[in-house]
Amino acid sequence: LTLLLGLPLALAAEGPSCPPLVTVTFDNATIPGLLGQWTYIAAASRYPPHLKEIKAVKYEIFSFSPGSHEDELNVTEIIRLNETCVVQNTGKIQVFWHNSTL
């Protein structure tokens, strides 16, 4: 029991470990690796308008497919808001090859 009570204190004494971001240079294999479905898992916010939406979203799937140009991706969202399923073609993501950003 003493060990369990002391565990939170021991964990709190350690500083948070957060590895540094690693930059990735886009190449011909990067974008195909992003294509397909990605599942939204969780969100956190203290901003009241966001909290309402976070509570309503049961799950969300993003689907990325090739755009009409090599420097864009099409995005489709499938969202379950409470008991309603919403499908949105949300648009495009621009690929900036020169500085490896989306």
N, C-alpha and C. Protein backbone atom coordinates (compact mmCIF):
# COMPACT_ATOMS: atom_id res chain seq x y z
N LEU A 1 0.83 -1.20 0.00
CA LEU A 1 0.00 0.00 0.00
C LEU A 1 0.87 1.26 0.00
N THR A 2 1.94 1.25 0.79
CA THR A 2 2.85 2.40 0.84
C THR A 2 3.48 2.63 -0.52
N LEU A 3 3.85 1.54 -1.19
CA LEU A 3 4.45 1.65 -2.52
C LEU A 3 3.46 2.29 -3.50
N LEU A 4 2.21 1.87 -3.48
CA LEU A 4 1.21 2.43 -4.39
C LEU A 4 0.93 3.90 -4.10
N LEU A 5 0.92 4.28 -2.82
CA LEU A 5 0.68 5.67 -2.46
C LEU A 5 1.87 6.56 -2.83
N GLY A 6 3.06 6.02 -2.78
CA GLY A 6 4.25 6.80 -3.11
C GLY A 6 4.55 6.87 -4.60
N LEU A 7 3.95 5.99 -5.40
CA LEU A 7 4.21 5.95 -6.84
C LEU A 7 3.90 7.27 -7.55
N PRO A 8 2.74 7.90 -7.32
CA PRO A 8 2.48 9.18 -7.98
C PRO A 8 3.52 10.24 -7.65
N LEU A 9 3.98 10.26 -6.40
CA LEU A 9 5.01 11.23 -6.02
C LEU A 9 6.32 10.96 -6.74
N ALA A 10 6.68 9.70 -6.86
CA ALA A 10 7.91 9.35 -7.55
C ALA A 10 7.83 9.70 -9.03
N LEU A 11 6.68 9.45 -9.63
CA LEU A 11 6.52 9.78 -11.05
C LEU A 11 6.49 11.28 -11.27
N ALA A 12 5.90 12.02 -10.35
CA ALA A 12 5.83 13.47 -10.49
C ALA A 12 7.20 14.11 -10.34
N ALA A 13 8.11 13.46 -9.62
CA ALA A 13 9.45 14.01 -9.41
C ALA A 13 10.27 13.98 -10.69
N GLU A 14 9.95 13.06 -11.59
CA GLU A 14 10.67 13.00 -12.85
C GLU A 14 10.13 14.06 -13.79
N GLY A 15 11.03 14.69 -14.52
CA GLY A 15 10.58 15.66 -15.52
C GLY A 15 9.91 14.95 -16.68
N PRO A 16 9.00 15.63 -17.36
CA PRO A 16 8.35 14.98 -18.50
C PRO A 16 9.36 14.73 -19.62
N SER A 17 9.27 13.58 -20.23
CA SER A 17 10.18 13.28 -21.32
C SER A 17 9.42 13.44 -22.63
N CYS A 18 9.91 14.30 -23.45
CA CYS A 18 9.29 14.55 -24.74
C CYS A 18 10.41 14.64 -25.76
N PRO A 19 10.54 13.62 -26.59
CA PRO A 19 11.65 13.64 -27.54
C PRO A 19 11.51 14.81 -28.52
N PRO A 20 12.62 15.33 -29.00
CA PRO A 20 12.55 16.44 -29.95
C PRO A 20 11.93 15.99 -31.28
N LEU A 21 11.31 16.92 -31.97
CA LEU A 21 10.76 16.61 -33.28
C LEU A 21 11.89 16.31 -34.25
N VAL A 22 11.65 15.35 -35.10
CA VAL A 22 12.64 14.97 -36.10
C VAL A 22 12.12 15.43 -37.45
N THR A 23 12.91 16.23 -38.13
CA THR A 23 12.48 16.70 -39.45
C THR A 23 12.64 15.57 -40.47
N VAL A 24 11.72 15.56 -41.41
CA VAL A 24 11.73 14.55 -42.47
C VAL A 24 11.79 15.29 -43.80
N THR A 25 12.67 14.86 -44.66
CA THR A 25 12.73 15.42 -46.00
C THR A 25 11.85 14.58 -46.90
N PHE A 26 10.90 15.23 -47.57
CA PHE A 26 10.01 14.50 -48.46
C PHE A 26 10.81 13.93 -49.62
N ASP A 27 10.50 12.69 -49.95
CA ASP A 27 11.06 12.08 -51.15
C ASP A 27 9.92 11.34 -51.86
N ASN A 28 10.22 10.53 -52.85
CA ASN A 28 9.18 9.85 -53.61
C ASN A 28 8.39 8.83 -52.79
N ALA A 29 8.91 8.41 -51.63
CA ALA A 29 8.21 7.43 -50.80
C ALA A 29 7.36 8.08 -49.71
N THR A 30 7.57 9.37 -49.44
CA THR A 30 6.87 10.03 -48.32
C THR A 30 5.37 10.13 -48.55
N ILE A 31 4.96 10.72 -49.64
CA ILE A 31 3.54 10.97 -49.89
C ILE A 31 2.76 9.66 -50.02
N PRO A 32 3.24 8.66 -50.77
CA PRO A 32 2.48 7.40 -50.80
C PRO A 32 2.31 6.78 -49.41
N GLY A 33 3.23 7.04 -48.50
CA GLY A 33 3.10 6.55 -47.13
C GLY A 33 1.99 7.23 -46.35
N LEU A 34 1.57 8.42 -46.79
CA LEU A 34 0.50 9.15 -46.12
C LEU A 34 -0.88 8.78 -46.66
N LEU A 35 -0.94 8.20 -47.85
CA LEU A 35 -2.22 7.89 -48.48
C LEU A 35 -2.97 6.81 -47.71
N GLY A 36 -4.28 6.85 -47.81
CA GLY A 36 -5.12 5.84 -47.15
C GLY A 36 -5.90 6.46 -46.01
N GLN A 37 -6.37 5.59 -45.10
CA GLN A 37 -7.21 6.05 -44.00
C GLN A 37 -6.40 6.24 -42.72
N TRP A 38 -6.71 7.32 -42.03
CA TRP A 38 -6.12 7.64 -40.74
C TRP A 38 -7.27 7.83 -39.75
N THR A 39 -7.15 7.26 -38.57
CA THR A 39 -8.21 7.31 -37.58
C THR A 39 -7.90 8.34 -36.51
N TYR A 40 -8.87 9.21 -36.25
CA TYR A 40 -8.80 10.18 -35.17
C TYR A 40 -9.04 9.42 -33.88
N ILE A 41 -8.15 9.60 -32.91
CA ILE A 41 -8.27 8.83 -31.68
C ILE A 41 -8.78 9.67 -30.52
N ALA A 42 -8.19 10.82 -30.28
CA ALA A 42 -8.59 11.61 -29.11
C ALA A 42 -8.24 13.07 -29.31
N ALA A 43 -8.87 13.90 -28.50
CA ALA A 43 -8.59 15.33 -28.51
C ALA A 43 -8.67 15.85 -27.08
N ALA A 44 -8.04 16.99 -26.86
CA ALA A 44 -8.11 17.64 -25.55
C ALA A 44 -8.12 19.14 -25.76
N SER A 45 -8.93 19.82 -24.98
CA SER A 45 -9.02 21.28 -25.09
C SER A 45 -9.69 21.82 -23.85
N ARG A 46 -9.38 23.06 -23.53
CA ARG A 46 -10.09 23.77 -22.46
C ARG A 46 -10.98 24.86 -23.04
N TYR A 47 -10.95 25.03 -24.34
CA TYR A 47 -11.72 26.06 -25.01
C TYR A 47 -13.16 25.57 -25.15
N PRO A 48 -14.15 26.23 -24.50
CA PRO A 48 -15.53 25.72 -24.45
C PRO A 48 -16.15 25.32 -25.79
N PRO A 49 -16.01 26.11 -26.87
CA PRO A 49 -16.61 25.65 -28.13
C PRO A 49 -16.02 24.33 -28.63
N HIS A 50 -14.72 24.12 -28.38
CA HIS A 50 -14.10 22.86 -28.80
C HIS A 50 -14.58 21.69 -27.94
N LEU A 51 -14.78 21.93 -26.65
CA LEU A 51 -15.23 20.87 -25.75
C LEU A 51 -16.56 20.28 -26.21
N LYS A 52 -17.46 21.12 -26.64
CA LYS A 52 -18.77 20.65 -27.11
C LYS A 52 -18.59 19.70 -28.30
N GLU A 53 -17.73 20.09 -29.24
CA GLU A 53 -17.50 19.24 -30.41
C GLU A 53 -16.76 17.96 -30.03
N ILE A 54 -15.77 18.06 -29.16
CA ILE A 54 -15.01 16.88 -28.74
C ILE A 54 -15.94 15.84 -28.11
N LYS A 55 -16.89 16.29 -27.31
CA LYS A 55 -17.83 15.36 -26.67
C LYS A 55 -18.79 14.73 -27.67
N ALA A 56 -19.10 15.44 -28.74
CA ALA A 56 -20.05 14.93 -29.73
C ALA A 56 -19.41 13.95 -30.71
N VAL A 57 -18.11 14.09 -30.97
CA VAL A 57 -17.44 13.22 -31.95
C VAL A 57 -17.20 11.85 -31.33
N LYS A 58 -17.78 10.82 -31.94
CA LYS A 58 -17.58 9.45 -31.47
C LYS A 58 -16.37 8.82 -32.15
N TYR A 59 -16.21 9.07 -33.44
CA TYR A 59 -15.00 8.69 -34.15
C TYR A 59 -14.90 9.52 -35.41
N GLU A 60 -13.70 9.55 -35.96
CA GLU A 60 -13.47 10.31 -37.19
C GLU A 60 -12.38 9.61 -37.98
N ILE A 61 -12.61 9.49 -39.27
CA ILE A 61 -11.63 8.88 -40.16
C ILE A 61 -11.31 9.88 -41.26
N PHE A 62 -10.03 10.06 -41.52
CA PHE A 62 -9.59 10.91 -42.61
C PHE A 62 -9.04 10.00 -43.70
N SER A 63 -9.40 10.26 -44.92
CA SER A 63 -8.90 9.48 -46.04
C SER A 63 -8.15 10.41 -46.98
N PHE A 64 -6.89 10.10 -47.24
CA PHE A 64 -6.05 10.89 -48.13
C PHE A 64 -5.85 10.14 -49.43
N SER A 65 -6.07 10.83 -50.55
CA SER A 65 -5.87 10.24 -51.87
C SER A 65 -5.11 11.23 -52.74
N PRO A 66 -4.49 10.74 -53.82
CA PRO A 66 -3.74 11.65 -54.69
C PRO A 66 -4.65 12.71 -55.29
N GLY A 67 -4.13 13.94 -55.37
CA GLY A 67 -4.87 15.03 -56.00
C GLY A 67 -4.64 15.04 -57.49
N SER A 68 -5.12 16.09 -58.14
CA SER A 68 -4.95 16.21 -59.59
C SER A 68 -3.54 16.65 -59.97
N HIS A 69 -2.76 17.12 -59.01
CA HIS A 69 -1.36 17.51 -59.23
C HIS A 69 -0.50 16.77 -58.22
N GLU A 70 0.79 16.64 -58.52
CA GLU A 70 1.66 15.91 -57.60
C GLU A 70 1.89 16.66 -56.28
N ASP A 71 1.52 17.94 -56.24
CA ASP A 71 1.75 18.72 -55.03
C ASP A 71 0.47 18.94 -54.21
N GLU A 72 -0.52 18.03 -54.36
CA GLU A 72 -1.73 18.15 -53.54
C GLU A 72 -2.31 16.77 -53.23
N LEU A 73 -3.00 16.71 -52.10
CA LEU A 73 -3.71 15.51 -51.67
C LEU A 73 -5.18 15.87 -51.45
N ASN A 74 -6.08 14.97 -51.85
CA ASN A 74 -7.50 15.13 -51.56
C ASN A 74 -7.78 14.58 -50.17
N VAL A 75 -8.68 15.23 -49.43
CA VAL A 75 -9.01 14.79 -48.08
C VAL A 75 -10.52 14.58 -47.97
N THR A 76 -10.91 13.42 -47.43
CA THR A 76 -12.31 13.13 -47.13
C THR A 76 -12.39 12.76 -45.66
N GLU A 77 -13.39 13.31 -44.96
CA GLU A 77 -13.62 13.00 -43.55
C GLU A 77 -14.91 12.22 -43.40
N ILE A 78 -14.88 11.21 -42.57
CA ILE A 78 -16.08 10.49 -42.17
C ILE A 78 -16.17 10.65 -40.65
N ILE A 79 -17.23 11.31 -40.19
CA ILE A 79 -17.35 11.67 -38.78
C ILE A 79 -18.65 11.11 -38.22
N ARG A 80 -18.58 10.49 -37.05
CA ARG A 80 -19.78 10.09 -36.32
C ARG A 80 -19.97 11.13 -35.22
N LEU A 81 -20.96 12.01 -35.41
CA LEU A 81 -21.33 13.01 -34.41
C LEU A 81 -22.57 12.51 -33.70
N ASN A 82 -22.41 12.10 -32.46
CA ASN A 82 -23.49 11.47 -31.71
C ASN A 82 -24.04 10.31 -32.53
N GLU A 83 -25.27 10.39 -33.04
CA GLU A 83 -25.84 9.30 -33.82
C GLU A 83 -25.90 9.61 -35.31
N THR A 84 -25.22 10.65 -35.75
CA THR A 84 -25.26 11.06 -37.14
C THR A 84 -23.92 10.81 -37.81
N CYS A 85 -23.95 10.21 -39.00
CA CYS A 85 -22.73 10.00 -39.77
C CYS A 85 -22.64 11.11 -40.83
N VAL A 86 -21.52 11.80 -40.85
CA VAL A 86 -21.31 12.90 -41.78
C VAL A 86 -20.10 12.59 -42.63
N VAL A 87 -20.25 12.68 -43.96
CA VAL A 87 -19.13 12.49 -44.89
C VAL A 87 -18.88 13.83 -45.55
N GLN A 88 -17.64 14.29 -45.47
CA GLN A 88 -17.29 15.59 -46.05
C GLN A 88 -16.07 15.44 -46.94
N ASN A 89 -16.15 15.96 -48.14
CA ASN A 89 -14.96 16.12 -48.96
C ASN A 89 -14.39 17.47 -48.57
N THR A 90 -13.44 17.45 -47.66
CA THR A 90 -13.01 18.69 -47.03
C THR A 90 -12.04 19.50 -47.88
N GLY A 91 -11.57 18.94 -48.94
CA GLY A 91 -10.70 19.76 -49.79
C GLY A 91 -9.37 19.12 -50.06
N LYS A 92 -8.36 19.96 -50.10
CA LYS A 92 -7.04 19.53 -50.51
C LYS A 92 -5.98 19.97 -49.51
N ILE A 93 -4.92 19.20 -49.45
CA ILE A 93 -3.73 19.57 -48.68
C ILE A 93 -2.63 19.86 -49.69
N GLN A 94 -2.00 21.01 -49.53
CA GLN A 94 -0.92 21.41 -50.43
C GLN A 94 0.40 20.84 -49.93
N VAL A 95 1.18 20.24 -50.80
CA VAL A 95 2.49 19.69 -50.47
C VAL A 95 3.55 20.68 -50.93
N PHE A 96 4.39 21.12 -49.99
CA PHE A 96 5.50 22.01 -50.32
C PHE A 96 6.78 21.18 -50.27
N TRP A 97 7.23 20.73 -51.42
CA TRP A 97 8.39 19.84 -51.51
C TRP A 97 9.66 20.53 -51.06
N HIS A 98 9.82 21.83 -51.34
CA HIS A 98 11.09 22.51 -51.07
C HIS A 98 11.41 22.60 -49.58
N ASN A 99 10.38 22.62 -48.72
CA ASN A 99 10.69 22.65 -47.28
C ASN A 99 9.99 21.53 -46.50
N SER A 100 9.50 20.52 -47.21
CA SER A 100 8.92 19.31 -46.61
C SER A 100 7.80 19.62 -45.62
N THR A 101 6.83 20.41 -46.06
CA THR A 101 5.66 20.69 -45.21
C THR A 101 4.38 20.44 -45.98
N LEU A 102 3.29 20.28 -45.25
CA LEU A 102 1.96 20.10 -45.83
C LEU A 102 1.11 21.30 -45.47
